[in-house]
Amino acid sequence: MQLRKMNLYIVSLAATMVMAASLASAEERLKPFTLASKGAGDVAAIAADVKQRLGAAGFEVAGEYSPYANAHVIVVTSDSLKPESVPS
């Protein structure tokens, strides 16, 4: 019985270490999206303002879509981000 408890303890400890390591590596990854705004206002006007500001900051709109009412997704890239992408 003691051996069984010891094995369970070792497996639990190993699983905890693997989860901790995966969380640590996940923190180092790039964030694929950012919620830029959530509030009142005309979605089209806010999206136009955001695109203008992104362009002024050196970003290029790669695409955009509205997945549902009152939501707008803008996909951007930049010259400094393009080399970091995986060739497809």
PDB file of N, CA and C in Angstrom:
ATOM      1  N   MET A   1       0.829  -1.193   0.000  1.00  0.00           N
ATOM      2  CA  MET A   1       0.000   0.000   0.000  1.00  0.00           C
ATOM      3  C   MET A   1       0.874   1.259   0.000  1.00  0.00           C
ATOM      4  N   GLN A   2       1.965   1.244   0.769  1.00  0.00           N
ATOM      5  CA  GLN A   2       2.859   2.386   0.826  1.00  0.00           C
ATOM      6  C   GLN A   2       3.476   2.668  -0.537  1.00  0.00           C
ATOM      7  N   LEU A   3       3.835   1.614  -1.253  1.00  0.00           N
ATOM      8  CA  LEU A   3       4.418   1.777  -2.576  1.00  0.00           C
ATOM      9  C   LEU A   3       3.432   2.435  -3.523  1.00  0.00           C
ATOM     10  N   ARG A   4       2.179   2.072  -3.436  1.00  0.00           N
ATOM     11  CA  ARG A   4       1.138   2.647  -4.285  1.00  0.00           C
ATOM     12  C   ARG A   4       0.981   4.151  -3.997  1.00  0.00           C
ATOM     13  N   LYS A   5       1.006   4.520  -2.715  1.00  0.00           N
ATOM     14  CA  LYS A   5       0.906   5.931  -2.344  1.00  0.00           C
ATOM     15  C   LYS A   5       2.116   6.711  -2.853  1.00  0.00           C
ATOM     16  N   MET A   6       3.287   6.100  -2.753  1.00  0.00           N
ATOM     17  CA  MET A   6       4.508   6.749  -3.221  1.00  0.00           C
ATOM     18  C   MET A   6       4.460   6.961  -4.728  1.00  0.00           C
ATOM     19  N   ASN A   7       3.999   5.956  -5.469  1.00  0.00           N
ATOM     20  CA  ASN A   7       3.870   6.088  -6.923  1.00  0.00           C
ATOM     21  C   ASN A   7       2.880   7.194  -7.283  1.00  0.00           C
ATOM     22  N   LEU A   8       1.769   7.263  -6.561  1.00  0.00           N
ATOM     23  CA  LEU A   8       0.770   8.306  -6.803  1.00  0.00           C
ATOM     24  C   LEU A   8       1.368   9.677  -6.533  1.00  0.00           C
ATOM     25  N   TYR A   9       2.153   9.785  -5.474  1.00  0.00           N
ATOM     26  CA  TYR A   9       2.800  11.043  -5.139  1.00  0.00           C
ATOM     27  C   TYR A   9       3.778  11.461  -6.233  1.00  0.00           C
ATOM     28  N   ILE A  10       4.566  10.529  -6.717  1.00  0.00           N
ATOM     29  CA  ILE A  10       5.552  10.828  -7.763  1.00  0.00           C
ATOM     30  C   ILE A  10       4.856  11.254  -9.048  1.00  0.00           C
ATOM     31  N   VAL A  11       3.811  10.551  -9.429  1.00  0.00           N
ATOM     32  CA  VAL A  11       3.069  10.906 -10.644  1.00  0.00           C
ATOM     33  C   VAL A  11       2.445  12.290 -10.493  1.00  0.00           C
ATOM     34  N   SER A  12       1.863  12.577  -9.329  1.00  0.00           N
ATOM     35  CA  SER A  12       1.263  13.888  -9.087  1.00  0.00           C
ATOM     36  C   SER A  12       2.305  14.993  -9.150  1.00  0.00           C
ATOM     37  N   LEU A  13       3.445  14.756  -8.550  1.00  0.00           N
ATOM     38  CA  LEU A  13       4.523  15.738  -8.568  1.00  0.00           C
ATOM     39  C   LEU A  13       5.014  15.988  -9.992  1.00  0.00           C
ATOM     40  N   ALA A  14       5.173  14.912 -10.762  1.00  0.00           N
ATOM     41  CA  ALA A  14       5.619  15.052 -12.144  1.00  0.00           C
ATOM     42  C   ALA A  14       4.598  15.833 -12.976  1.00  0.00           C
ATOM     43  N   ALA A  15       3.309  15.537 -12.774  1.00  0.00           N
ATOM     44  CA  ALA A  15       2.268  16.248 -13.511  1.00  0.00           C
ATOM     45  C   ALA A  15       2.260  17.731 -13.157  1.00  0.00           C
ATOM     46  N   THR A  16       2.456  18.044 -11.887  1.00  0.00           N
ATOM     47  CA  THR A  16       2.508  19.444 -11.455  1.00  0.00           C
ATOM     48  C   THR A  16       3.695  20.158 -12.080  1.00  0.00           C
ATOM     49  N   MET A  17       4.839  19.500 -12.150  1.00  0.00           N
ATOM     50  CA  MET A  17       6.017  20.105 -12.750  1.00  0.00           C
ATOM     51  C   MET A  17       5.823  20.351 -14.243  1.00  0.00           C
ATOM     52  N   VAL A  18       5.194  19.419 -14.939  1.00  0.00           N
ATOM     53  CA  VAL A  18       4.935  19.582 -16.372  1.00  0.00           C
ATOM     54  C   VAL A  18       3.979  20.754 -16.594  1.00  0.00           C
ATOM     55  N   MET A  19       2.935  20.844 -15.775  1.00  0.00           N
ATOM     56  CA  MET A  19       1.980  21.948 -15.917  1.00  0.00           C
ATOM     57  C   MET A  19       2.657  23.281 -15.624  1.00  0.00           C
ATOM     58  N   ALA A  20       3.499  23.344 -14.622  1.00  0.00           N
ATOM     59  CA  ALA A  20       4.204  24.587 -14.291  1.00  0.00           C
ATOM     60  C   ALA A  20       5.133  24.996 -15.426  1.00  0.00           C
ATOM     61  N   ALA A  21       5.817  24.030 -16.015  1.00  0.00           N
ATOM     62  CA  ALA A  21       6.715  24.331 -17.130  1.00  0.00           C
ATOM     63  C   ALA A  21       5.940  24.828 -18.344  1.00  0.00           C
ATOM     64  N   SER A  22       4.775  24.234 -18.621  1.00  0.00           N
ATOM     65  CA  SER A  22       3.998  24.670 -19.772  1.00  0.00           C
ATOM     66  C   SER A  22       3.424  26.064 -19.544  1.00  0.00           C
ATOM     67  N   LEU A  23       3.046  26.384 -18.311  1.00  0.00           N
ATOM     68  CA  LEU A  23       2.561  27.734 -18.014  1.00  0.00           C
ATOM     69  C   LEU A  23       3.676  28.756 -18.161  1.00  0.00           C
ATOM     70  N   ALA A  24       4.858  28.410 -17.733  1.00  0.00           N
ATOM     71  CA  ALA A  24       5.987  29.329 -17.852  1.00  0.00           C
ATOM     72  C   ALA A  24       6.306  29.596 -19.311  1.00  0.00           C
ATOM     73  N   SER A  25       6.275  28.574 -20.154  1.00  0.00           N
ATOM     74  CA  SER A  25       6.564  28.782 -21.569  1.00  0.00           C
ATOM     75  C   SER A  25       5.422  29.504 -22.258  1.00  0.00           C
ATOM     76  N   ALA A  26       4.195  29.321 -21.802  1.00  0.00           N
ATOM     77  CA  ALA A  26       3.051  30.009 -22.408  1.00  0.00           C
ATOM     78  C   ALA A  26       3.139  31.509 -22.167  1.00  0.00           C
ATOM     79  N   GLU A  27       3.705  31.925 -21.039  1.00  0.00           N
ATOM     80  CA  GLU A  27       3.834  33.340 -20.746  1.00  0.00           C
ATOM     81  C   GLU A  27       4.804  34.033 -21.685  1.00  0.00           C
ATOM     82  N   GLU A  28       5.696  33.300 -22.301  1.00  0.00           N
ATOM     83  CA  GLU A  28       6.690  33.872 -23.192  1.00  0.00           C
ATOM     84  C   GLU A  28       6.182  34.036 -24.617  1.00  0.00           C
ATOM     85  N   ARG A  29       5.017  33.542 -24.904  1.00  0.00           N
ATOM     86  CA  ARG A  29       4.481  33.602 -26.258  1.00  0.00           C
ATOM     87  C   ARG A  29       3.872  34.965 -26.533  1.00  0.00           C
ATOM     88  N   LEU A  30       3.747  35.270 -27.816  1.00  0.00           N
ATOM     89  CA  LEU A  30       3.119  36.515 -28.217  1.00  0.00           C
ATOM     90  C   LEU A  30       1.614  36.445 -28.022  1.00  0.00           C
ATOM     91  N   LYS A  31       1.022  37.555 -27.740  1.00  0.00           N
ATOM     92  CA  LYS A  31      -0.425  37.624 -27.565  1.00  0.00           C
ATOM     93  C   LYS A  31      -1.065  37.783 -28.947  1.00  0.00           C
ATOM     94  N   PRO A  32      -1.903  36.845 -29.358  1.00  0.00           N
ATOM     95  CA  PRO A  32      -2.455  36.892 -30.713  1.00  0.00           C
ATOM     96  C   PRO A  32      -3.547  37.924 -30.910  1.00  0.00           C
ATOM     97  N   PHE A  33      -4.097  38.461 -29.838  1.00  0.00           N
ATOM     98  CA  PHE A  33      -5.150  39.460 -29.986  1.00  0.00           C
ATOM     99  C   PHE A  33      -5.197  40.354 -28.763  1.00  0.00           C
ATOM    100  N   THR A  34      -5.801  41.511 -28.937  1.00  0.00           N
ATOM    101  CA  THR A  34      -5.995  42.451 -27.844  1.00  0.00           C
ATOM    102  C   THR A  34      -7.378  43.056 -27.973  1.00  0.00           C
ATOM    103  N   LEU A  35      -8.132  43.078 -26.892  1.00  0.00           N
ATOM    104  CA  LEU A  35      -9.410  43.766 -26.877  1.00  0.00           C
ATOM    105  C   LEU A  35      -9.090  45.245 -26.737  1.00  0.00           C
ATOM    106  N   ALA A  36      -9.274  45.987 -27.818  1.00  0.00           N
ATOM    107  CA  ALA A  36      -8.870  47.389 -27.839  1.00  0.00           C
ATOM    108  C   ALA A  36      -9.916  48.312 -27.256  1.00  0.00           C
ATOM    109  N   SER A  37     -11.174  47.952 -27.381  1.00  0.00           N
ATOM    110  CA  SER A  37     -12.227  48.843 -26.906  1.00  0.00           C
ATOM    111  C   SER A  37     -13.470  48.044 -26.574  1.00  0.00           C
ATOM    112  N   LYS A  38     -14.131  48.450 -25.511  1.00  0.00           N
ATOM    113  CA  LYS A  38     -15.398  47.834 -25.148  1.00  0.00           C
ATOM    114  C   LYS A  38     -16.221  48.924 -24.483  1.00  0.00           C
ATOM    115  N   GLY A  39     -17.186  49.420 -25.215  1.00  0.00           N
ATOM    116  CA  GLY A  39     -17.980  50.494 -24.651  1.00  0.00           C
ATOM    117  C   GLY A  39     -18.954  51.030 -25.669  1.00  0.00           C
ATOM    118  N   ALA A  40     -19.582  52.117 -25.299  1.00  0.00           N
ATOM    119  CA  ALA A  40     -20.593  52.731 -26.158  1.00  0.00           C
ATOM    120  C   ALA A  40     -19.945  53.429 -27.349  1.00  0.00           C
ATOM    121  N   GLY A  41     -20.695  53.525 -28.410  1.00  0.00           N
ATOM    122  CA  GLY A  41     -20.231  54.232 -29.601  1.00  0.00           C
ATOM    123  C   GLY A  41     -20.569  53.481 -30.861  1.00  0.00           C
ATOM    124  N   ASP A  42     -20.419  54.160 -31.972  1.00  0.00           N
ATOM    125  CA  ASP A  42     -20.667  53.567 -33.285  1.00  0.00           C
ATOM    126  C   ASP A  42     -19.488  52.684 -33.668  1.00  0.00           C
ATOM    127  N   VAL A  43     -19.735  51.413 -33.858  1.00  0.00           N
ATOM    128  CA  VAL A  43     -18.660  50.448 -34.126  1.00  0.00           C
ATOM    129  C   VAL A  43     -17.885  50.826 -35.382  1.00  0.00           C
ATOM    130  N   ALA A  44     -18.581  51.226 -36.432  1.00  0.00           N
ATOM    131  CA  ALA A  44     -17.902  51.582 -37.684  1.00  0.00           C
ATOM    132  C   ALA A  44     -16.989  52.797 -37.487  1.00  0.00           C
ATOM    133  N   ALA A  45     -17.455  53.785 -36.745  1.00  0.00           N
ATOM    134  CA  ALA A  45     -16.640  54.982 -36.507  1.00  0.00           C
ATOM    135  C   ALA A  45     -15.426  54.652 -35.642  1.00  0.00           C
ATOM    136  N   ILE A  46     -15.629  53.832 -34.634  1.00  0.00           N
ATOM    137  CA  ILE A  46     -14.515  53.441 -33.761  1.00  0.00           C
ATOM    138  C   ILE A  46     -13.501  52.629 -34.547  1.00  0.00           C
ATOM    139  N   ALA A  47     -13.980  51.700 -35.392  1.00  0.00           N
ATOM    140  CA  ALA A  47     -13.073  50.883 -36.208  1.00  0.00           C
ATOM    141  C   ALA A  47     -12.268  51.760 -37.159  1.00  0.00           C
ATOM    142  N   ALA A  48     -12.897  52.748 -37.773  1.00  0.00           N
ATOM    143  CA  ALA A  48     -12.195  53.653 -38.680  1.00  0.00           C
ATOM    144  C   ALA A  48     -11.117  54.435 -37.928  1.00  0.00           C
ATOM    145  N   ASP A  49     -11.429  54.906 -36.723  1.00  0.00           N
ATOM    146  CA  ASP A  49     -10.463  55.642 -35.912  1.00  0.00           C
ATOM    147  C   ASP A  49      -9.296  54.739 -35.515  1.00  0.00           C
ATOM    148  N   VAL A  50      -9.597  53.523 -35.127  1.00  0.00           N
ATOM    149  CA  VAL A  50      -8.543  52.575 -34.729  1.00  0.00           C
ATOM    150  C   VAL A  50      -7.631  52.281 -35.918  1.00  0.00           C
ATOM    151  N   LYS A  51      -8.204  52.051 -37.100  1.00  0.00           N
ATOM    152  CA  LYS A  51      -7.386  51.774 -38.287  1.00  0.00           C
ATOM    153  C   LYS A  51      -6.488  52.963 -38.622  1.00  0.00           C
ATOM    154  N   GLN A  52      -7.011  54.175 -38.471  1.00  0.00           N
ATOM    155  CA  GLN A  52      -6.213  55.375 -38.740  1.00  0.00           C
ATOM    156  C   GLN A  52      -5.052  55.464 -37.753  1.00  0.00           C
ATOM    157  N   ARG A  53      -5.326  55.205 -36.487  1.00  0.00           N
ATOM    158  CA  ARG A  53      -4.277  55.270 -35.471  1.00  0.00           C
ATOM    159  C   ARG A  53      -3.233  54.166 -35.660  1.00  0.00           C
ATOM    160  N   LEU A  54      -3.680  52.984 -36.023  1.00  0.00           N
ATOM    161  CA  LEU A  54      -2.743  51.893 -36.280  1.00  0.00           C
ATOM    162  C   LEU A  54      -1.839  52.232 -37.457  1.00  0.00           C
ATOM    163  N   GLY A  55      -2.429  52.794 -38.517  1.00  0.00           N
ATOM    164  CA  GLY A  55      -1.635  53.202 -39.678  1.00  0.00           C
ATOM    165  C   GLY A  55      -0.600  54.254 -39.310  1.00  0.00           C
ATOM    166  N   ALA A  56      -0.995  55.214 -38.486  1.00  0.00           N
ATOM    167  CA  ALA A  56      -0.069  56.260 -38.041  1.00  0.00           C
ATOM    168  C   ALA A  56       1.055  55.693 -37.183  1.00  0.00           C
ATOM    169  N   ALA A  57       0.800  54.567 -36.532  1.00  0.00           N
ATOM    170  CA  ALA A  57       1.812  53.930 -35.686  1.00  0.00           C
ATOM    171  C   ALA A  57       2.689  52.946 -36.463  1.00  0.00           C
ATOM    172  N   GLY A  58       2.477  52.850 -37.768  1.00  0.00           N
ATOM    173  CA  GLY A  58       3.323  51.988 -38.589  1.00  0.00           C
ATOM    174  C   GLY A  58       2.781  50.597 -38.848  1.00  0.00           C
ATOM    175  N   PHE A  59       1.518  50.357 -38.481  1.00  0.00           N
ATOM    176  CA  PHE A  59       0.905  49.060 -38.744  1.00  0.00           C
ATOM    177  C   PHE A  59       0.140  49.093 -40.057  1.00  0.00           C
ATOM    178  N   GLU A  60      -0.001  47.937 -40.659  1.00  0.00           N
ATOM    179  CA  GLU A  60      -0.724  47.764 -41.920  1.00  0.00           C
ATOM    180  C   GLU A  60      -1.905  46.830 -41.666  1.00  0.00           C
ATOM    181  N   VAL A  61      -3.092  47.247 -42.099  1.00  0.00           N
ATOM    182  CA  VAL A  61      -4.270  46.399 -41.930  1.00  0.00           C
ATOM    183  C   VAL A  61      -4.164  45.242 -42.918  1.00  0.00           C
ATOM    184  N   ALA A  62      -4.109  44.021 -42.384  1.00  0.00           N
ATOM    185  CA  ALA A  62      -4.005  42.828 -43.214  1.00  0.00           C
ATOM    186  C   ALA A  62      -5.383  42.252 -43.523  1.00  0.00           C
ATOM    187  N   GLY A  63      -6.361  42.586 -42.707  1.00  0.00           N
ATOM    188  CA  GLY A  63      -7.718  42.093 -42.906  1.00  0.00           C
ATOM    189  C   GLY A  63      -8.613  42.582 -41.784  1.00  0.00           C
ATOM    190  N   GLU A  64      -9.910  42.409 -41.983  1.00  0.00           N
ATOM    191  CA  GLU A  64     -10.872  42.787 -40.955  1.00  0.00           C
ATOM    192  C   GLU A  64     -12.188  42.087 -41.226  1.00  0.00           C
ATOM    193  N   TYR A  65     -12.970  41.900 -40.186  1.00  0.00           N
ATOM    194  CA  TYR A  65     -14.276  41.273 -40.333  1.00  0.00           C
ATOM    195  C   TYR A  65     -15.126  41.577 -39.112  1.00  0.00           C
ATOM    196  N   SER A  66     -16.408  41.374 -39.250  1.00  0.00           N
ATOM    197  CA  SER A  66     -17.358  41.549 -38.151  1.00  0.00           C
ATOM    198  C   SER A  66     -17.990  40.195 -37.858  1.00  0.00           C
ATOM    199  N   PRO A  67     -17.553  39.523 -36.800  1.00  0.00           N
ATOM    200  CA  PRO A  67     -18.068  38.182 -36.513  1.00  0.00           C
ATOM    201  C   PRO A  67     -19.522  38.166 -36.051  1.00  0.00           C
ATOM    202  N   TYR A  68     -19.984  39.273 -35.488  1.00  0.00           N
ATOM    203  CA  TYR A  68     -21.370  39.401 -35.046  1.00  0.00           C
ATOM    204  C   TYR A  68     -21.667  40.886 -34.848  1.00  0.00           C
ATOM    205  N   ALA A  69     -22.929  41.212 -34.609  1.00  0.00           N
ATOM    206  CA  ALA A  69     -23.353  42.608 -34.470  1.00  0.00           C
ATOM    207  C   ALA A  69     -22.566  43.304 -33.358  1.00  0.00           C
ATOM    208  N   ASN A  70     -22.201  44.537 -33.614  1.00  0.00           N
ATOM    209  CA  ASN A  70     -21.479  45.380 -32.656  1.00  0.00           C
ATOM    210  C   ASN A  70     -20.103  44.841 -32.280  1.00  0.00           C
ATOM    211  N   ALA A  71     -19.481  44.126 -33.197  1.00  0.00           N
ATOM    212  CA  ALA A  71     -18.114  43.647 -32.999  1.00  0.00           C
ATOM    213  C   ALA A  71     -17.359  43.788 -34.309  1.00  0.00           C
ATOM    214  N   HIS A  72     -16.099  44.146 -34.214  1.00  0.00           N
ATOM    215  CA  HIS A  72     -15.277  44.307 -35.415  1.00  0.00           C
ATOM    216  C   HIS A  72     -13.859  43.866 -35.081  1.00  0.00           C
ATOM    217  N   VAL A  73     -13.305  42.997 -35.896  1.00  0.00           N
ATOM    218  CA  VAL A  73     -11.950  42.492 -35.702  1.00  0.00           C
ATOM    219  C   VAL A  73     -11.069  43.087 -36.785  1.00  0.00           C
ATOM    220  N   ILE A  74      -9.950  43.668 -36.365  1.00  0.00           N
ATOM    221  CA  ILE A  74      -8.978  44.245 -37.297  1.00  0.00           C
ATOM    222  C   ILE A  74      -7.679  43.468 -37.135  1.00  0.00           C
ATOM    223  N   VAL A  75      -7.184  42.915 -38.217  1.00  0.00           N
ATOM    224  CA  VAL A  75      -5.939  42.145 -38.211  1.00  0.00           C
ATOM    225  C   VAL A  75      -4.850  43.033 -38.796  1.00  0.00           C
ATOM    226  N   VAL A  76      -3.753  43.170 -38.057  1.00  0.00           N
ATOM    227  CA  VAL A  76      -2.676  44.054 -38.510  1.00  0.00           C
ATOM    228  C   VAL A  76      -1.344  43.333 -38.556  1.00  0.00           C
ATOM    229  N   THR A  77      -0.442  43.923 -39.296  1.00  0.00           N
ATOM    230  CA  THR A  77       0.932  43.457 -39.356  1.00  0.00           C
ATOM    231  C   THR A  77       1.813  44.691 -39.490  1.00  0.00           C
ATOM    232  N   SER A  78       3.101  44.475 -39.521  1.00  0.00           N
ATOM    233  CA  SER A  78       4.048  45.573 -39.740  1.00  0.00           C
ATOM    234  C   SER A  78       5.300  44.989 -40.369  1.00  0.00           C
ATOM    235  N   ASP A  79       6.137  45.872 -40.883  1.00  0.00           N
ATOM    236  CA  ASP A  79       7.374  45.395 -41.492  1.00  0.00           C
ATOM    237  C   ASP A  79       8.254  44.651 -40.491  1.00  0.00           C
ATOM    238  N   SER A  80       8.206  45.051 -39.219  1.00  0.00           N
ATOM    239  CA  SER A  80       9.036  44.362 -38.218  1.00  0.00           C
ATOM    240  C   SER A  80       8.436  43.026 -37.800  1.00  0.00           C
ATOM    241  N   LEU A  81       7.120  42.850 -37.960  1.00  0.00           N
ATOM    242  CA  LEU A  81       6.485  41.577 -37.604  1.00  0.00           C
ATOM    243  C   LEU A  81       6.580  40.536 -38.727  1.00  0.00           C
ATOM    244  N   LYS A  82       6.597  40.978 -39.954  1.00  0.00           N
ATOM    245  CA  LYS A  82       6.592  40.041 -41.085  1.00  0.00           C
ATOM    246  C   LYS A  82       7.734  39.020 -41.051  1.00  0.00           C
ATOM    247  N   PRO A  83       8.963  39.392 -40.742  1.00  0.00           N
ATOM    248  CA  PRO A  83      10.034  38.387 -40.680  1.00  0.00           C
ATOM    249  C   PRO A  83       9.829  37.363 -39.565  1.00  0.00           C
ATOM    250  N   GLU A  84       9.037  37.700 -38.540  1.00  0.00           N
ATOM    251  CA  GLU A  84       8.804  36.792 -37.429  1.00  0.00           C
ATOM    252  C   GLU A  84       7.759  35.719 -37.745  1.00  0.00           C
ATOM    253  N   SER A  85       7.017  35.919 -38.810  1.00  0.00           N
ATOM    254  CA  SER A  85       5.966  34.947 -39.163  1.00  0.00           C
ATOM    255  C   SER A  85       6.590  33.705 -39.773  1.00  0.00           C
ATOM    256  N   VAL A  86       5.891  32.610 -39.635  1.00  0.00           N
ATOM    257  CA  VAL A  86       6.347  31.348 -40.199  1.00  0.00           C
ATOM    258  C   VAL A  86       5.980  31.323 -41.673  1.00  0.00           C
ATOM    259  N   PRO A  87       6.941  31.059 -42.546  1.00  0.00           N
ATOM    260  CA  PRO A  87       6.597  30.979 -43.966  1.00  0.00           C
ATOM    261  C   PRO A  87       5.563  29.888 -44.222  1.00  0.00           C
ATOM    262  N   SER A  88       4.577  30.238 -45.038  1.00  0.00           N
ATOM    263  CA  SER A  88       3.549  29.230 -45.328  1.00  0.00           C
ATOM    264  C   SER A  88       3.567  28.821 -46.773  1.00  0.00           C
TER     265      SER A  88
END
